[in-house]
PDB file of all heavy atoms in Angstrom:
ATOM      1  N   PHE A   1     -34.928 -15.857  58.354  1.00  0.00           N
ATOM      2  CA  PHE A   1     -34.450 -17.235  58.231  1.00  0.00           C
ATOM      3  C   PHE A   1     -34.546 -17.745  56.795  1.00  0.00           C
ATOM      4  O   PHE A   1     -33.557 -18.267  56.258  1.00  0.00           O
ATOM      5  CB  PHE A   1     -35.191 -18.162  59.194  1.00  0.00           C
ATOM      6  CG  PHE A   1     -34.656 -19.560  59.183  1.00  0.00           C
ATOM      7  CD1 PHE A   1     -33.501 -19.878  59.881  1.00  0.00           C
ATOM      8  CD2 PHE A   1     -35.280 -20.552  58.452  1.00  0.00           C
ATOM      9  CE1 PHE A   1     -32.991 -21.164  59.852  1.00  0.00           C
ATOM     10  CE2 PHE A   1     -34.777 -21.834  58.424  1.00  0.00           C
ATOM     11  CZ  PHE A   1     -33.626 -22.142  59.133  1.00  0.00           C
ATOM     12  N   PRO A   2     -35.694 -17.596  56.109  1.00  0.00           N
ATOM     13  CA  PRO A   2     -35.743 -18.056  54.715  1.00  0.00           C
ATOM     14  C   PRO A   2     -34.719 -17.358  53.821  1.00  0.00           C
ATOM     15  O   PRO A   2     -34.143 -17.973  52.926  1.00  0.00           O
ATOM     16  CB  PRO A   2     -37.170 -17.733  54.266  1.00  0.00           C
ATOM     17  CG  PRO A   2     -37.956 -17.622  55.511  1.00  0.00           C
ATOM     18  CD  PRO A   2     -37.013 -17.138  56.569  1.00  0.00           C
ATOM     19  N   ALA A   3     -34.481 -16.064  54.082  1.00  0.00           N
ATOM     20  CA  ALA A   3     -33.513 -15.336  53.269  1.00  0.00           C
ATOM     21  C   ALA A   3     -32.095 -15.833  53.517  1.00  0.00           C
ATOM     22  O   ALA A   3     -31.305 -15.971  52.578  1.00  0.00           O
ATOM     23  CB  ALA A   3     -33.609 -13.837  53.564  1.00  0.00           C
ATOM     24  N   VAL A   4     -31.760 -16.118  54.764  1.00  0.00           N
ATOM     25  CA  VAL A   4     -30.423 -16.633  55.088  1.00  0.00           C
ATOM     26  C   VAL A   4     -30.225 -18.012  54.468  1.00  0.00           C
ATOM     27  O   VAL A   4     -29.173 -18.298  53.887  1.00  0.00           O
ATOM     28  CB  VAL A   4     -30.204 -16.665  56.614  1.00  0.00           C
ATOM     29  CG1 VAL A   4     -28.957 -17.450  56.977  1.00  0.00           C
ATOM     30  CG2 VAL A   4     -30.114 -15.252  57.164  1.00  0.00           C
ATOM     31  N   ILE A   5     -31.217 -18.866  54.563  1.00  0.00           N
ATOM     32  CA  ILE A   5     -31.107 -20.210  53.977  1.00  0.00           C
ATOM     33  C   ILE A   5     -30.963 -20.112  52.463  1.00  0.00           C
ATOM     34  O   ILE A   5     -30.167 -20.827  51.848  1.00  0.00           O
ATOM     35  CB  ILE A   5     -32.332 -21.069  54.362  1.00  0.00           C
ATOM     36  CG1 ILE A   5     -32.309 -21.356  55.869  1.00  0.00           C
ATOM     37  CG2 ILE A   5     -32.367 -22.362  53.577  1.00  0.00           C
ATOM     38  CD1 ILE A   5     -31.077 -22.099  56.360  1.00  0.00           C
ATOM     39  N   ALA A   6     -31.708 -19.207  51.827  1.00  0.00           N
ATOM     40  CA  ALA A   6     -31.589 -19.033  50.373  1.00  0.00           C
ATOM     41  C   ALA A   6     -30.178 -18.590  50.012  1.00  0.00           C
ATOM     42  O   ALA A   6     -29.604 -19.078  49.037  1.00  0.00           O
ATOM     43  CB  ALA A   6     -32.613 -18.013  49.880  1.00  0.00           C
ATOM     44  N   ARG A   7     -29.588 -17.675  50.800  1.00  0.00           N
ATOM     45  CA  ARG A   7     -28.210 -17.240  50.533  1.00  0.00           C
ATOM     46  C   ARG A   7     -27.222 -18.375  50.726  1.00  0.00           C
ATOM     47  O   ARG A   7     -26.248 -18.489  49.979  1.00  0.00           O
ATOM     48  CB  ARG A   7     -27.830 -16.078  51.435  1.00  0.00           C
ATOM     49  CG  ARG A   7     -28.209 -14.754  50.875  1.00  0.00           C
ATOM     50  CD  ARG A   7     -27.408 -13.666  51.515  1.00  0.00           C
ATOM     51  NE  ARG A   7     -27.608 -12.425  50.786  1.00  0.00           N
ATOM     52  CZ  ARG A   7     -26.898 -11.344  50.976  1.00  0.00           C
ATOM     53  NH1 ARG A   7     -25.954 -11.336  51.865  1.00  0.00           N
ATOM     54  NH2 ARG A   7     -27.137 -10.269  50.288  1.00  0.00           N
ATOM     55  N   LEU A   8     -27.446 -19.214  51.724  1.00  0.00           N
ATOM     56  CA  LEU A   8     -26.555 -20.360  51.928  1.00  0.00           C
ATOM     57  C   LEU A   8     -26.624 -21.321  50.747  1.00  0.00           C
ATOM     58  O   LEU A   8     -25.600 -21.833  50.291  1.00  0.00           O
ATOM     59  CB  LEU A   8     -26.916 -21.101  53.220  1.00  0.00           C
ATOM     60  CG  LEU A   8     -26.547 -20.414  54.517  1.00  0.00           C
ATOM     61  CD1 LEU A   8     -27.132 -21.180  55.695  1.00  0.00           C
ATOM     62  CD2 LEU A   8     -25.050 -20.291  54.653  1.00  0.00           C
ATOM     63  N   ILE A   9     -27.820 -21.563  50.249  1.00  0.00           N
ATOM     64  CA  ILE A   9     -27.981 -22.472  49.107  1.00  0.00           C
ATOM     65  C   ILE A   9     -27.304 -21.894  47.876  1.00  0.00           C
ATOM     66  O   ILE A   9     -26.569 -22.592  47.170  1.00  0.00           O
ATOM     67  CB  ILE A   9     -29.476 -22.749  48.861  1.00  0.00           C
ATOM     68  CG1 ILE A   9     -30.036 -23.606  49.998  1.00  0.00           C
ATOM     69  CG2 ILE A   9     -29.685 -23.433  47.512  1.00  0.00           C
ATOM     70  CD1 ILE A   9     -31.546 -23.741  49.985  1.00  0.00           C
ATOM     71  N   VAL A  10     -27.527 -20.613  47.608  1.00  0.00           N
ATOM     72  CA  VAL A  10     -26.904 -19.977  46.443  1.00  0.00           C
ATOM     73  C   VAL A  10     -25.388 -19.994  46.581  1.00  0.00           C
ATOM     74  O   VAL A  10     -24.666 -20.253  45.619  1.00  0.00           O
ATOM     75  CB  VAL A  10     -27.426 -18.538  46.267  1.00  0.00           C
ATOM     76  CG1 VAL A  10     -26.604 -17.780  45.252  1.00  0.00           C
ATOM     77  CG2 VAL A  10     -28.880 -18.569  45.841  1.00  0.00           C
ATOM     78  N   GLY A  11     -24.881 -19.729  47.786  1.00  0.00           N
ATOM     79  CA  GLY A  11     -23.439 -19.779  48.014  1.00  0.00           C
ATOM     80  C   GLY A  11     -22.857 -21.151  47.739  1.00  0.00           C
ATOM     81  O   GLY A  11     -21.778 -21.277  47.169  1.00  0.00           O
ATOM     82  N   GLY A  12     -23.589 -22.205  48.108  1.00  0.00           N
ATOM     83  CA  GLY A  12     -23.133 -23.561  47.818  1.00  0.00           C
ATOM     84  C   GLY A  12     -23.097 -23.848  46.340  1.00  0.00           C
ATOM     85  O   GLY A  12     -22.187 -24.513  45.843  1.00  0.00           O
ATOM     86  N   VAL A  13     -24.075 -23.323  45.611  1.00  0.00           N
ATOM     87  CA  VAL A  13     -24.101 -23.511  44.162  1.00  0.00           C
ATOM     88  C   VAL A  13     -22.916 -22.802  43.532  1.00  0.00           C
ATOM     89  O   VAL A  13     -22.237 -23.338  42.659  1.00  0.00           O
ATOM     90  CB  VAL A  13     -25.440 -22.996  43.565  1.00  0.00           C
ATOM     91  CG1 VAL A  13     -25.378 -22.954  42.059  1.00  0.00           C
ATOM     92  CG2 VAL A  13     -26.583 -23.868  44.045  1.00  0.00           C
ATOM     93  N   VAL A  14     -22.643 -21.591  43.977  1.00  0.00           N
ATOM     94  CA  VAL A  14     -21.518 -20.829  43.429  1.00  0.00           C
ATOM     95  C   VAL A  14     -20.205 -21.541  43.737  1.00  0.00           C
ATOM     96  O   VAL A  14     -19.334 -21.660  42.878  1.00  0.00           O
ATOM     97  CB  VAL A  14     -21.510 -19.383  43.981  1.00  0.00           C
ATOM     98  CG1 VAL A  14     -20.229 -18.670  43.619  1.00  0.00           C
ATOM     99  CG2 VAL A  14     -22.712 -18.626  43.447  1.00  0.00           C
ATOM    100  N   GLU A  15     -20.043 -22.030  44.969  1.00  0.00           N
ATOM    101  CA  GLU A  15     -18.816 -22.746  45.330  1.00  0.00           C
ATOM    102  C   GLU A  15     -18.629 -23.996  44.475  1.00  0.00           C
ATOM    103  O   GLU A  15     -17.509 -24.326  44.105  1.00  0.00           O
ATOM    104  CB  GLU A  15     -18.847 -23.133  46.803  1.00  0.00           C
ATOM    105  CG  GLU A  15     -18.542 -21.998  47.734  1.00  0.00           C
ATOM    106  CD  GLU A  15     -18.566 -22.424  49.184  1.00  0.00           C
ATOM    107  OE1 GLU A  15     -18.798 -23.617  49.467  1.00  0.00           O
ATOM    108  OE2 GLU A  15     -18.353 -21.557  50.041  1.00  0.00           O
ATOM    109  N   SER A  16     -19.725 -24.676  44.143  1.00  0.00           N
ATOM    110  CA  SER A  16     -19.600 -25.888  43.336  1.00  0.00           C
ATOM    111  C   SER A  16     -19.219 -25.564  41.898  1.00  0.00           C
ATOM    112  O   SER A  16     -18.701 -26.411  41.183  1.00  0.00           O
ATOM    113  CB  SER A  16     -20.895 -26.695  43.365  1.00  0.00           C
ATOM    114  OG  SER A  16     -21.911 -26.023  42.658  1.00  0.00           O
ATOM    115  N   MET A  17     -19.466 -24.312  41.460  1.00  0.00           N
ATOM    116  CA  MET A  17     -19.137 -23.934  40.091  1.00  0.00           C
ATOM    117  C   MET A  17     -17.709 -23.425  39.954  1.00  0.00           C
ATOM    118  O   MET A  17     -17.202 -23.300  38.849  1.00  0.00           O
ATOM    119  CB  MET A  17     -20.105 -22.852  39.599  1.00  0.00           C
ATOM    120  CG  MET A  17     -21.503 -23.375  39.416  1.00  0.00           C
ATOM    121  SD  MET A  17     -22.757 -22.191  38.896  1.00  0.00           S
ATOM    122  CE  MET A  17     -21.964 -20.688  38.614  1.00  0.00           C
ATOM    123  N   VAL A  18     -17.066 -23.108  41.062  1.00  0.00           N
ATOM    124  CA  VAL A  18     -15.698 -22.587  41.005  1.00  0.00           C
ATOM    125  C   VAL A  18     -14.756 -23.720  40.623  1.00  0.00           C
ATOM    126  O   VAL A  18     -14.760 -24.785  41.216  1.00  0.00           O
ATOM    127  CB  VAL A  18     -15.284 -21.977  42.357  1.00  0.00           C
ATOM    128  CG1 VAL A  18     -13.827 -21.579  42.347  1.00  0.00           C
ATOM    129  CG2 VAL A  18     -16.161 -20.785  42.663  1.00  0.00           C
ATOM    130  N   VAL A  19     -13.947 -23.475  39.602  1.00  0.00           N
ATOM    131  CA  VAL A  19     -13.050 -24.500  39.082  1.00  0.00           C
ATOM    132  C   VAL A  19     -11.626 -23.953  39.104  1.00  0.00           C
ATOM    133  O   VAL A  19     -11.382 -22.807  38.771  1.00  0.00           O
ATOM    134  CB  VAL A  19     -13.445 -24.872  37.632  1.00  0.00           C
ATOM    135  CG1 VAL A  19     -12.507 -25.904  37.070  1.00  0.00           C
ATOM    136  CG2 VAL A  19     -14.873 -25.347  37.587  1.00  0.00           C
ATOM    137  N   ASP A  20     -10.667 -24.804  39.478  1.00  0.00           N
ATOM    138  CA  ASP A  20      -9.261 -24.398  39.512  1.00  0.00           C
ATOM    139  C   ASP A  20      -8.514 -24.802  38.246  1.00  0.00           C
ATOM    140  O   ASP A  20      -7.318 -24.572  38.146  1.00  0.00           O
ATOM    141  CB  ASP A  20      -8.560 -25.022  40.722  1.00  0.00           C
ATOM    142  CG  ASP A  20      -8.992 -24.374  42.019  1.00  0.00           C
ATOM    143  OD1 ASP A  20      -9.417 -23.215  41.976  1.00  0.00           O
ATOM    144  OD2 ASP A  20      -8.898 -25.030  43.066  1.00  0.00           O
ATOM    145  N   ASP A  21      -9.200 -25.378  37.296  1.00  0.00           N
ATOM    146  CA  ASP A  21      -8.569 -25.845  36.063  1.00  0.00           C
ATOM    147  C   ASP A  21      -8.315 -24.651  35.144  1.00  0.00           C
ATOM    148  O   ASP A  21      -9.247 -24.016  34.646  1.00  0.00           O
ATOM    149  CB  ASP A  21      -9.476 -26.869  35.390  1.00  0.00           C
ATOM    150  CG  ASP A  21      -8.855 -27.471  34.148  1.00  0.00           C
ATOM    151  OD1 ASP A  21      -7.643 -27.300  33.950  1.00  0.00           O
ATOM    152  OD2 ASP A  21      -9.601 -28.112  33.379  1.00  0.00           O
ATOM    153  N   GLU A  22      -7.051 -24.330  34.901  1.00  0.00           N
ATOM    154  CA  GLU A  22      -6.686 -23.156  34.100  1.00  0.00           C
ATOM    155  C   GLU A  22      -7.219 -23.249  32.667  1.00  0.00           C
ATOM    156  O   GLU A  22      -7.675 -22.263  32.101  1.00  0.00           O
ATOM    157  CB  GLU A  22      -5.165 -22.979  34.079  1.00  0.00           C
ATOM    158  CG  GLU A  22      -4.586 -22.510  35.386  1.00  0.00           C
ATOM    159  CD  GLU A  22      -5.007 -21.093  35.733  1.00  0.00           C
ATOM    160  OE1 GLU A  22      -5.146 -20.264  34.815  1.00  0.00           O
ATOM    161  OE2 GLU A  22      -5.216 -20.828  36.922  1.00  0.00           O
ATOM    162  N   ALA A  23      -7.145 -24.437  32.075  1.00  0.00           N
ATOM    163  CA  ALA A  23      -7.618 -24.596  30.689  1.00  0.00           C
ATOM    164  C   ALA A  23      -9.115 -24.321  30.598  1.00  0.00           C
ATOM    165  O   ALA A  23      -9.581 -23.638  29.670  1.00  0.00           O
ATOM    166  CB  ALA A  23      -7.304 -25.998  30.187  1.00  0.00           C
ATOM    167  N   MET A  24      -9.869 -24.814  31.565  1.00  0.00           N
ATOM    168  CA  MET A  24     -11.312 -24.604  31.544  1.00  0.00           C
ATOM    169  C   MET A  24     -11.631 -23.119  31.754  1.00  0.00           C
ATOM    170  O   MET A  24     -12.532 -22.572  31.108  1.00  0.00           O
ATOM    171  CB  MET A  24     -12.011 -25.433  32.617  1.00  0.00           C
ATOM    172  CG  MET A  24     -13.524 -25.303  32.581  1.00  0.00           C
ATOM    173  SD  MET A  24     -14.357 -26.329  33.786  1.00  0.00           S
ATOM    174  CE  MET A  24     -14.232 -27.916  32.988  1.00  0.00           C
ATOM    175  N   ILE A  25     -10.868 -22.454  32.612  1.00  0.00           N
ATOM    176  CA  ILE A  25     -11.086 -21.029  32.844  1.00  0.00           C
ATOM    177  C   ILE A  25     -10.818 -20.243  31.570  1.00  0.00           C
ATOM    178  O   ILE A  25     -11.579 -19.336  31.211  1.00  0.00           O
ATOM    179  CB  ILE A  25     -10.216 -20.529  34.017  1.00  0.00           C
ATOM    180  CG1 ILE A  25     -10.718 -21.146  35.319  1.00  0.00           C
ATOM    181  CG2 ILE A  25     -10.225 -19.011  34.097  1.00  0.00           C
ATOM    182  CD1 ILE A  25      -9.844 -20.880  36.515  1.00  0.00           C
ATOM    183  N   ARG A  26      -9.739 -20.593  30.858  1.00  0.00           N
ATOM    184  CA  ARG A  26      -9.439 -19.904  29.592  1.00  0.00           C
ATOM    185  C   ARG A  26     -10.564 -20.113  28.588  1.00  0.00           C
ATOM    186  O   ARG A  26     -10.960 -19.186  27.873  1.00  0.00           O
ATOM    187  CB  ARG A  26      -8.112 -20.395  29.022  1.00  0.00           C
ATOM    188  CG  ARG A  26      -6.891 -19.763  29.681  1.00  0.00           C
ATOM    189  CD  ARG A  26      -5.625 -20.032  28.887  1.00  0.00           C
ATOM    190  NE  ARG A  26      -5.305 -21.443  28.752  1.00  0.00           N
ATOM    191  CZ  ARG A  26      -4.647 -22.161  29.679  1.00  0.00           C
ATOM    192  NH1 ARG A  26      -4.233 -21.592  30.785  1.00  0.00           N
ATOM    193  NH2 ARG A  26      -4.394 -23.429  29.470  1.00  0.00           N
ATOM    194  N   GLU A  27     -11.105 -21.340  28.507  1.00  0.00           N
ATOM    195  CA  GLU A  27     -12.210 -21.623  27.597  1.00  0.00           C
ATOM    196  C   GLU A  27     -13.447 -20.814  27.975  1.00  0.00           C
ATOM    197  O   GLU A  27     -14.145 -20.289  27.098  1.00  0.00           O
ATOM    198  CB  GLU A  27     -12.544 -23.108  27.620  1.00  0.00           C
ATOM    199  CG  GLU A  27     -11.505 -23.986  26.959  1.00  0.00           C
ATOM    200  CD  GLU A  27     -11.826 -25.468  27.101  1.00  0.00           C
ATOM    201  OE1 GLU A  27     -12.960 -25.802  27.513  1.00  0.00           O
ATOM    202  OE2 GLU A  27     -10.941 -26.285  26.816  1.00  0.00           O
TER     203      GLU A  27
END
């Protein structure tokens, strides 16, 4: 359970960092 919750939290952090802005991706 702690490992699954840790993966869920990390996945949420990664999802929040994903950006669709092409200019920002190029930078």
